[in-house]
Amino acid sequence: MKISKRLLDELVDAYEDNDPMHQYFLNIKTGEVEFLTDYEPDEELSDRIEEGFGEIYFRVPRISSSEGYDVMEEFAETVASSKIRHRLYEALNRSKKVFRRFKDVLDDYPEERDRYYKFLRKYCEEQIIEWLKEEEIDMEITIDD
């Protein structure tokens, strides 16, 4: 199966979506990412996925909260400015709304915010590629689309 840049981006988007009401499945026959939501159930698609689960359809994993926290912590370590790094660590050491506080700090530093989202994206791409390998989904990544 060829994994285009577009498909890889879709898989990464699915990986980053941590809404518990959303589920994503890779259809290895069509090369499409199928989406199910509990907000608007699709019984026909749900039945197709159930019938082909593990053969045609593979559930796309999602980033866990602890993983997301680890990525933020790893990113903070890469920040050159001790002032910004200190503020990020302060946000990470709060007990409530850690993700929101971390992103609020980054909003004050647009260059670091952009760098963080690239850092996160790269991490998620690596996780998706590892997942494809673990599921033994034969793949060839093509960047030309």
N, C-alpha and C. Protein backbone atom coordinates (compact mmCIF):
# COMPACT_ATOMS: atom_id res chain seq x y z
N MET A 1 0.85 -1.18 0.00
CA MET A 1 0.00 0.00 0.00
C MET A 1 0.89 1.24 0.00
N LYS A 2 0.58 2.18 -0.86
CA LYS A 2 1.32 3.42 -0.88
C LYS A 2 0.68 4.40 0.09
N ILE A 3 1.51 5.00 0.90
CA ILE A 3 1.04 6.00 1.86
C ILE A 3 1.49 7.36 1.32
N SER A 4 0.56 8.11 0.78
CA SER A 4 0.89 9.43 0.26
C SER A 4 1.07 10.40 1.42
N LYS A 5 1.64 11.53 1.14
CA LYS A 5 1.79 12.58 2.16
C LYS A 5 0.41 12.98 2.67
N ARG A 6 -0.57 13.03 1.78
CA ARG A 6 -1.94 13.40 2.17
C ARG A 6 -2.50 12.37 3.15
N LEU A 7 -2.32 11.07 2.85
CA LEU A 7 -2.83 10.03 3.75
C LEU A 7 -2.08 10.05 5.07
N LEU A 8 -0.77 10.23 5.02
CA LEU A 8 0.00 10.31 6.26
C LEU A 8 -0.50 11.47 7.11
N ASP A 9 -0.78 12.62 6.48
CA ASP A 9 -1.31 13.77 7.21
C ASP A 9 -2.67 13.44 7.84
N GLU A 10 -3.52 12.73 7.11
CA GLU A 10 -4.83 12.34 7.66
C GLU A 10 -4.66 11.42 8.86
N LEU A 11 -3.73 10.48 8.76
CA LEU A 11 -3.49 9.56 9.87
C LEU A 11 -2.95 10.30 11.08
N VAL A 12 -2.08 11.27 10.84
CA VAL A 12 -1.53 12.06 11.94
C VAL A 12 -2.64 12.90 12.58
N ASP A 13 -3.50 13.49 11.76
CA ASP A 13 -4.63 14.26 12.30
C ASP A 13 -5.50 13.37 13.18
N ALA A 14 -5.74 12.15 12.71
CA ALA A 14 -6.55 11.20 13.49
C ALA A 14 -5.85 10.86 14.81
N TYR A 15 -4.55 10.67 14.75
CA TYR A 15 -3.76 10.34 15.94
C TYR A 15 -3.83 11.47 16.97
N GLU A 16 -3.84 12.70 16.48
CA GLU A 16 -3.86 13.86 17.38
C GLU A 16 -5.25 14.14 17.96
N ASP A 17 -6.31 13.62 17.35
CA ASP A 17 -7.68 13.87 17.81
C ASP A 17 -7.95 13.00 19.02
N ASN A 18 -8.00 13.61 20.19
CA ASN A 18 -8.21 12.81 21.41
C ASN A 18 -9.64 12.88 21.93
N ASP A 19 -10.59 13.24 21.06
CA ASP A 19 -12.00 13.23 21.45
C ASP A 19 -12.44 11.77 21.60
N PRO A 20 -12.87 11.36 22.79
CA PRO A 20 -13.24 9.96 23.00
C PRO A 20 -14.46 9.53 22.19
N MET A 21 -15.18 10.47 21.63
CA MET A 21 -16.35 10.16 20.81
C MET A 21 -15.99 9.92 19.34
N HIS A 22 -14.71 10.08 18.99
CA HIS A 22 -14.25 9.90 17.62
C HIS A 22 -13.40 8.64 17.50
N GLN A 23 -13.58 7.94 16.40
CA GLN A 23 -12.75 6.78 16.08
C GLN A 23 -12.38 6.86 14.60
N TYR A 24 -11.14 6.51 14.32
CA TYR A 24 -10.66 6.53 12.94
C TYR A 24 -10.14 5.14 12.58
N PHE A 25 -10.37 4.75 11.34
CA PHE A 25 -9.93 3.45 10.86
C PHE A 25 -9.29 3.62 9.49
N LEU A 26 -8.16 2.95 9.31
CA LEU A 26 -7.51 2.94 8.01
C LEU A 26 -8.05 1.76 7.22
N ASN A 27 -8.60 2.05 6.05
CA ASN A 27 -9.06 1.02 5.13
C ASN A 27 -7.89 0.74 4.19
N ILE A 28 -7.26 -0.43 4.34
CA ILE A 28 -6.05 -0.69 3.55
C ILE A 28 -6.37 -1.08 2.11
N LYS A 29 -7.62 -1.35 1.80
CA LYS A 29 -7.99 -1.62 0.40
C LYS A 29 -8.13 -0.33 -0.39
N THR A 30 -8.76 0.66 0.22
CA THR A 30 -9.00 1.92 -0.49
C THR A 30 -7.93 2.97 -0.17
N GLY A 31 -7.20 2.77 0.93
CA GLY A 31 -6.22 3.76 1.35
C GLY A 31 -6.88 5.01 1.92
N GLU A 32 -8.07 4.84 2.46
CA GLU A 32 -8.79 5.97 3.05
C GLU A 32 -8.89 5.82 4.56
N VAL A 33 -9.00 6.96 5.22
CA VAL A 33 -9.25 6.98 6.66
C VAL A 33 -10.75 7.16 6.85
N GLU A 34 -11.36 6.18 7.49
CA GLU A 34 -12.81 6.22 7.75
C GLU A 34 -13.02 6.77 9.16
N PHE A 35 -14.08 7.56 9.32
CA PHE A 35 -14.34 8.26 10.58
C PHE A 35 -15.69 7.85 11.14
N LEU A 36 -15.70 7.48 12.41
CA LEU A 36 -16.94 7.21 13.13
C LEU A 36 -17.01 8.15 14.33
N THR A 37 -18.20 8.63 14.58
CA THR A 37 -18.41 9.47 15.76
C THR A 37 -19.66 9.03 16.48
N ASP A 38 -19.60 9.05 17.78
CA ASP A 38 -20.78 8.71 18.58
C ASP A 38 -21.81 9.83 18.53
N TYR A 39 -21.40 11.01 18.08
CA TYR A 39 -22.34 12.13 17.98
C TYR A 39 -23.37 11.89 16.90
N GLU A 40 -22.95 11.27 15.79
CA GLU A 40 -23.85 10.93 14.68
C GLU A 40 -23.48 9.53 14.19
N PRO A 41 -24.00 8.49 14.83
CA PRO A 41 -23.62 7.12 14.47
C PRO A 41 -23.94 6.78 13.00
N ASP A 42 -23.06 6.03 12.38
CA ASP A 42 -23.23 5.54 11.01
C ASP A 42 -23.21 4.02 11.09
N GLU A 43 -24.39 3.41 11.20
CA GLU A 43 -24.50 1.97 11.41
C GLU A 43 -23.93 1.18 10.23
N GLU A 44 -24.15 1.66 9.01
CA GLU A 44 -23.65 0.95 7.83
C GLU A 44 -22.13 0.87 7.84
N LEU A 45 -21.48 2.01 8.08
CA LEU A 45 -20.01 2.04 8.14
C LEU A 45 -19.52 1.23 9.33
N SER A 46 -20.18 1.35 10.44
CA SER A 46 -19.81 0.61 11.64
C SER A 46 -19.85 -0.90 11.38
N ASP A 47 -20.87 -1.36 10.69
CA ASP A 47 -20.99 -2.78 10.35
C ASP A 47 -19.87 -3.22 9.41
N ARG A 48 -19.57 -2.40 8.39
CA ARG A 48 -18.49 -2.73 7.45
C ARG A 48 -17.15 -2.84 8.18
N ILE A 49 -16.91 -1.91 9.09
CA ILE A 49 -15.66 -1.93 9.85
C ILE A 49 -15.59 -3.18 10.73
N GLU A 50 -16.69 -3.48 11.39
CA GLU A 50 -16.72 -4.66 12.25
C GLU A 50 -16.44 -5.94 11.45
N GLU A 51 -17.02 -6.04 10.27
CA GLU A 51 -16.82 -7.22 9.42
C GLU A 51 -15.37 -7.35 8.95
N GLY A 52 -14.73 -6.23 8.65
CA GLY A 52 -13.38 -6.28 8.09
C GLY A 52 -12.28 -5.88 9.06
N PHE A 53 -12.62 -5.80 10.34
CA PHE A 53 -11.65 -5.33 11.33
C PHE A 53 -10.46 -6.27 11.42
N GLY A 54 -9.27 -5.70 11.33
CA GLY A 54 -8.05 -6.49 11.43
C GLY A 54 -7.58 -7.08 10.11
N GLU A 55 -8.42 -6.99 9.10
CA GLU A 55 -8.05 -7.47 7.77
C GLU A 55 -8.05 -6.33 6.77
N ILE A 56 -9.12 -5.55 6.78
CA ILE A 56 -9.25 -4.40 5.87
C ILE A 56 -9.17 -3.11 6.67
N TYR A 57 -9.82 -3.10 7.82
CA TYR A 57 -9.88 -1.90 8.66
C TYR A 57 -8.99 -2.05 9.88
N PHE A 58 -8.20 -1.03 10.13
CA PHE A 58 -7.32 -0.99 11.29
C PHE A 58 -7.59 0.30 12.06
N ARG A 59 -7.85 0.16 13.36
CA ARG A 59 -8.13 1.33 14.19
C ARG A 59 -6.85 2.17 14.33
N VAL A 60 -6.98 3.45 14.00
CA VAL A 60 -5.86 4.36 14.13
C VAL A 60 -5.72 4.71 15.62
N PRO A 61 -4.54 4.53 16.18
CA PRO A 61 -4.37 4.87 17.60
C PRO A 61 -4.44 6.37 17.80
N ARG A 62 -4.57 6.77 19.04
CA ARG A 62 -4.57 8.21 19.35
C ARG A 62 -3.55 8.49 20.43
N ILE A 63 -3.07 9.70 20.42
CA ILE A 63 -2.09 10.11 21.41
C ILE A 63 -2.75 10.14 22.78
N SER A 64 -2.09 9.59 23.77
CA SER A 64 -2.63 9.60 25.12
C SER A 64 -2.24 10.90 25.82
N SER A 65 -2.93 11.21 26.89
CA SER A 65 -2.60 12.41 27.66
C SER A 65 -1.18 12.36 28.19
N SER A 66 -0.78 11.20 28.68
CA SER A 66 0.58 11.11 29.23
C SER A 66 1.63 11.28 28.14
N GLU A 67 1.35 10.75 26.96
CA GLU A 67 2.25 10.95 25.82
C GLU A 67 2.33 12.43 25.45
N GLY A 68 1.16 13.07 25.39
CA GLY A 68 1.11 14.50 25.07
C GLY A 68 1.90 15.32 26.07
N TYR A 69 1.78 14.95 27.34
CA TYR A 69 2.54 15.64 28.39
C TYR A 69 4.04 15.43 28.17
N ASP A 70 4.43 14.19 27.87
CA ASP A 70 5.85 13.90 27.63
C ASP A 70 6.40 14.70 26.45
N VAL A 71 5.59 14.84 25.40
CA VAL A 71 6.03 15.62 24.23
C VAL A 71 6.23 17.08 24.62
N MET A 72 5.32 17.62 25.43
CA MET A 72 5.46 19.01 25.86
C MET A 72 6.73 19.17 26.70
N GLU A 73 6.97 18.21 27.56
CA GLU A 73 8.16 18.25 28.41
C GLU A 73 9.44 18.17 27.56
N GLU A 74 9.45 17.26 26.60
CA GLU A 74 10.60 17.12 25.70
C GLU A 74 10.82 18.40 24.91
N PHE A 75 9.72 19.01 24.46
CA PHE A 75 9.86 20.26 23.72
C PHE A 75 10.44 21.35 24.60
N ALA A 76 9.93 21.46 25.82
CA ALA A 76 10.40 22.51 26.73
C ALA A 76 11.92 22.42 26.91
N GLU A 77 12.45 21.20 26.92
CA GLU A 77 13.89 21.01 27.07
C GLU A 77 14.68 21.60 25.90
N THR A 78 14.03 21.75 24.75
CA THR A 78 14.72 22.25 23.56
C THR A 78 14.68 23.76 23.43
N VAL A 79 13.93 24.43 24.29
CA VAL A 79 13.78 25.88 24.19
C VAL A 79 15.06 26.56 24.68
N ALA A 80 15.63 27.40 23.82
CA ALA A 80 16.91 28.06 24.13
C ALA A 80 16.77 29.13 25.21
N SER A 81 15.68 29.87 25.18
CA SER A 81 15.48 30.96 26.14
C SER A 81 15.14 30.39 27.52
N SER A 82 15.96 30.72 28.51
CA SER A 82 15.70 30.21 29.86
C SER A 82 14.40 30.78 30.41
N LYS A 83 14.05 32.00 30.03
CA LYS A 83 12.81 32.63 30.49
C LYS A 83 11.59 31.85 29.98
N ILE A 84 11.58 31.56 28.70
CA ILE A 84 10.45 30.82 28.10
C ILE A 84 10.41 29.40 28.65
N ARG A 85 11.57 28.77 28.70
CA ARG A 85 11.65 27.40 29.22
C ARG A 85 11.11 27.34 30.65
N HIS A 86 11.49 28.31 31.47
CA HIS A 86 11.01 28.37 32.86
C HIS A 86 9.49 28.50 32.90
N ARG A 87 8.94 29.36 32.07
CA ARG A 87 7.47 29.53 32.03
C ARG A 87 6.77 28.25 31.59
N LEU A 88 7.37 27.55 30.63
CA LEU A 88 6.77 26.29 30.17
C LEU A 88 6.81 25.24 31.27
N TYR A 89 7.94 25.17 31.98
CA TYR A 89 8.02 24.21 33.09
C TYR A 89 7.03 24.56 34.19
N GLU A 90 6.84 25.83 34.45
CA GLU A 90 5.83 26.23 35.44
C GLU A 90 4.45 25.75 35.03
N ALA A 91 4.13 25.92 33.75
CA ALA A 91 2.82 25.47 33.24
C ALA A 91 2.69 23.95 33.38
N LEU A 92 3.77 23.23 33.12
CA LEU A 92 3.75 21.77 33.20
C LEU A 92 3.62 21.27 34.63
N ASN A 93 4.06 22.06 35.57
CA ASN A 93 4.03 21.63 36.97
C ASN A 93 2.77 22.03 37.71
N ARG A 94 1.82 22.64 37.02
CA ARG A 94 0.53 22.94 37.63
C ARG A 94 -0.30 21.67 37.64
N SER A 95 -1.24 21.60 38.56
CA SER A 95 -2.03 20.38 38.66
C SER A 95 -3.27 20.39 37.76
N LYS A 96 -3.70 21.57 37.34
CA LYS A 96 -4.92 21.63 36.53
C LYS A 96 -4.66 22.36 35.22
N LYS A 97 -5.35 21.89 34.20
CA LYS A 97 -5.31 22.52 32.88
C LYS A 97 -3.89 22.70 32.34
N VAL A 98 -3.08 21.68 32.49
CA VAL A 98 -1.68 21.73 32.08
C VAL A 98 -1.56 22.02 30.58
N PHE A 99 -2.35 21.34 29.78
CA PHE A 99 -2.26 21.51 28.33
C PHE A 99 -2.63 22.93 27.93
N ARG A 100 -3.71 23.43 28.53
CA ARG A 100 -4.16 24.79 28.22
C ARG A 100 -3.11 25.81 28.66
N ARG A 101 -2.57 25.66 29.85
CA ARG A 101 -1.57 26.60 30.37
C ARG A 101 -0.30 26.59 29.51
N PHE A 102 0.12 25.40 29.09
CA PHE A 102 1.30 25.28 28.24
C PHE A 102 1.08 26.03 26.92
N LYS A 103 -0.07 25.82 26.32
CA LYS A 103 -0.37 26.49 25.05
C LYS A 103 -0.56 28.00 25.25
N ASP A 104 -1.08 28.41 26.39
CA ASP A 104 -1.20 29.84 26.68
C ASP A 104 0.17 30.50 26.74
N VAL A 105 1.14 29.83 27.34
CA VAL A 105 2.51 30.36 27.37
C VAL A 105 3.04 30.47 25.95
N LEU A 106 2.85 29.45 25.16
CA LEU A 106 3.34 29.46 23.78
C LEU A 106 2.68 30.57 22.95
N ASP A 107 1.44 30.90 23.27
CA ASP A 107 0.76 31.98 22.54
C ASP A 107 1.50 33.31 22.67
N ASP A 108 2.24 33.47 23.75
CA ASP A 108 3.03 34.70 23.94
C ASP A 108 4.30 34.71 23.10
N TYR A 109 4.65 33.57 22.52
CA TYR A 109 5.90 33.43 21.76
C TYR A 109 5.60 32.70 20.45
N PRO A 110 5.09 33.41 19.44
CA PRO A 110 4.65 32.77 18.20
C PRO A 110 5.70 31.88 17.52
N GLU A 111 6.96 32.27 17.56
CA GLU A 111 7.99 31.44 16.92
C GLU A 111 8.13 30.10 17.65
N GLU A 112 8.11 30.14 18.98
CA GLU A 112 8.20 28.90 19.76
C GLU A 112 6.92 28.08 19.60
N ARG A 113 5.78 28.76 19.51
CA ARG A 113 4.51 28.04 19.30
C ARG A 113 4.57 27.27 17.98
N ASP A 114 5.03 27.94 16.91
CA ASP A 114 5.13 27.28 15.61
C ASP A 114 6.11 26.11 15.67
N ARG A 115 7.21 26.32 16.36
CA ARG A 115 8.21 25.26 16.51
C ARG A 115 7.64 24.08 17.29
N TYR A 116 6.83 24.38 18.32
CA TYR A 116 6.21 23.31 19.11
C TYR A 116 5.28 22.46 18.23
N TYR A 117 4.44 23.12 17.43
CA TYR A 117 3.50 22.35 16.61
C TYR A 117 4.23 21.51 15.56
N LYS A 118 5.35 21.97 15.06
CA LYS A 118 6.17 21.17 14.14
C LYS A 118 6.79 19.99 14.90
N PHE A 119 7.24 20.25 16.11
CA PHE A 119 7.82 19.22 16.98
C PHE A 119 6.79 18.13 17.26
N LEU A 120 5.59 18.55 17.64
CA LEU A 120 4.49 17.63 17.92
C LEU A 120 4.12 16.84 16.67
N ARG A 121 4.03 17.51 15.55
CA ARG A 121 3.65 16.86 14.28
C ARG A 121 4.67 15.78 13.92
N LYS A 122 5.96 16.12 14.06
CA LYS A 122 7.01 15.15 13.75
C LYS A 122 6.89 13.92 14.65
N TYR A 123 6.67 14.16 15.93
CA TYR A 123 6.50 13.06 16.88
C TYR A 123 5.32 12.17 16.45
N CYS A 124 4.20 12.78 16.12
CA CYS A 124 3.00 12.03 15.74
C CYS A 124 3.23 11.25 14.44
N GLU A 125 3.92 11.85 13.49
CA GLU A 125 4.25 11.13 12.25
C GLU A 125 5.08 9.88 12.57
N GLU A 126 6.06 10.04 13.43
CA GLU A 126 6.90 8.90 13.82
C GLU A 126 6.06 7.80 14.47
N GLN A 127 5.11 8.20 15.30
CA GLN A 127 4.26 7.21 15.98
C GLN A 127 3.36 6.48 14.99
N ILE A 128 2.83 7.20 14.01
CA ILE A 128 1.97 6.58 13.00
C ILE A 128 2.78 5.61 12.14
N ILE A 129 3.97 6.00 11.75
CA ILE A 129 4.81 5.10 10.95
C ILE A 129 5.16 3.85 11.75
N GLU A 130 5.43 4.02 13.03
CA GLU A 130 5.72 2.87 13.89
C GLU A 130 4.48 1.97 14.01
N TRP A 131 3.31 2.57 14.13
CA TRP A 131 2.06 1.80 14.22
C TRP A 131 1.84 1.00 12.94
N LEU A 132 2.06 1.61 11.79
CA LEU A 132 1.89 0.91 10.51
C LEU A 132 2.82 -0.31 10.45
N LYS A 133 4.04 -0.13 10.95
CA LYS A 133 4.99 -1.25 10.97
C LYS A 133 4.52 -2.34 11.93
N GLU A 134 4.06 -1.94 13.12
CA GLU A 134 3.60 -2.92 14.11
C GLU A 134 2.40 -3.72 13.60
N GLU A 135 1.53 -3.06 12.86
CA GLU A 135 0.35 -3.74 12.30
C GLU A 135 0.71 -4.54 11.05
N GLU A 136 1.99 -4.44 10.66
CA GLU A 136 2.49 -5.12 9.47
C GLU A 136 1.73 -4.72 8.23
N ILE A 137 1.38 -3.44 8.17
CA ILE A 137 0.73 -2.89 6.99
C ILE A 137 1.85 -2.53 6.02
N ASP A 138 1.88 -3.26 4.91
CA ASP A 138 2.91 -3.05 3.91
C ASP A 138 2.73 -1.65 3.35
N MET A 139 3.77 -0.86 3.44
CA MET A 139 3.62 0.53 3.02
C MET A 139 4.86 1.05 2.32
N GLU A 140 4.59 2.00 1.48
CA GLU A 140 5.64 2.75 0.81
C GLU A 140 5.18 4.20 0.89
N ILE A 141 5.93 5.03 1.57
CA ILE A 141 5.52 6.42 1.73
C ILE A 141 5.96 7.21 0.51
N THR A 142 5.00 7.88 -0.11
CA THR A 142 5.30 8.74 -1.26
C THR A 142 5.00 10.17 -0.88
N ILE A 143 5.90 11.07 -1.21
CA ILE A 143 5.74 12.46 -0.81
C ILE A 143 5.24 13.33 -1.97
N ASP A 144 5.05 12.77 -3.12
CA ASP A 144 4.78 13.57 -4.31
C ASP A 144 3.33 13.93 -4.55
N ASP A 145 2.51 14.16 -3.50
CA ASP A 145 1.18 14.68 -3.79
C ASP A 145 0.76 15.76 -2.91
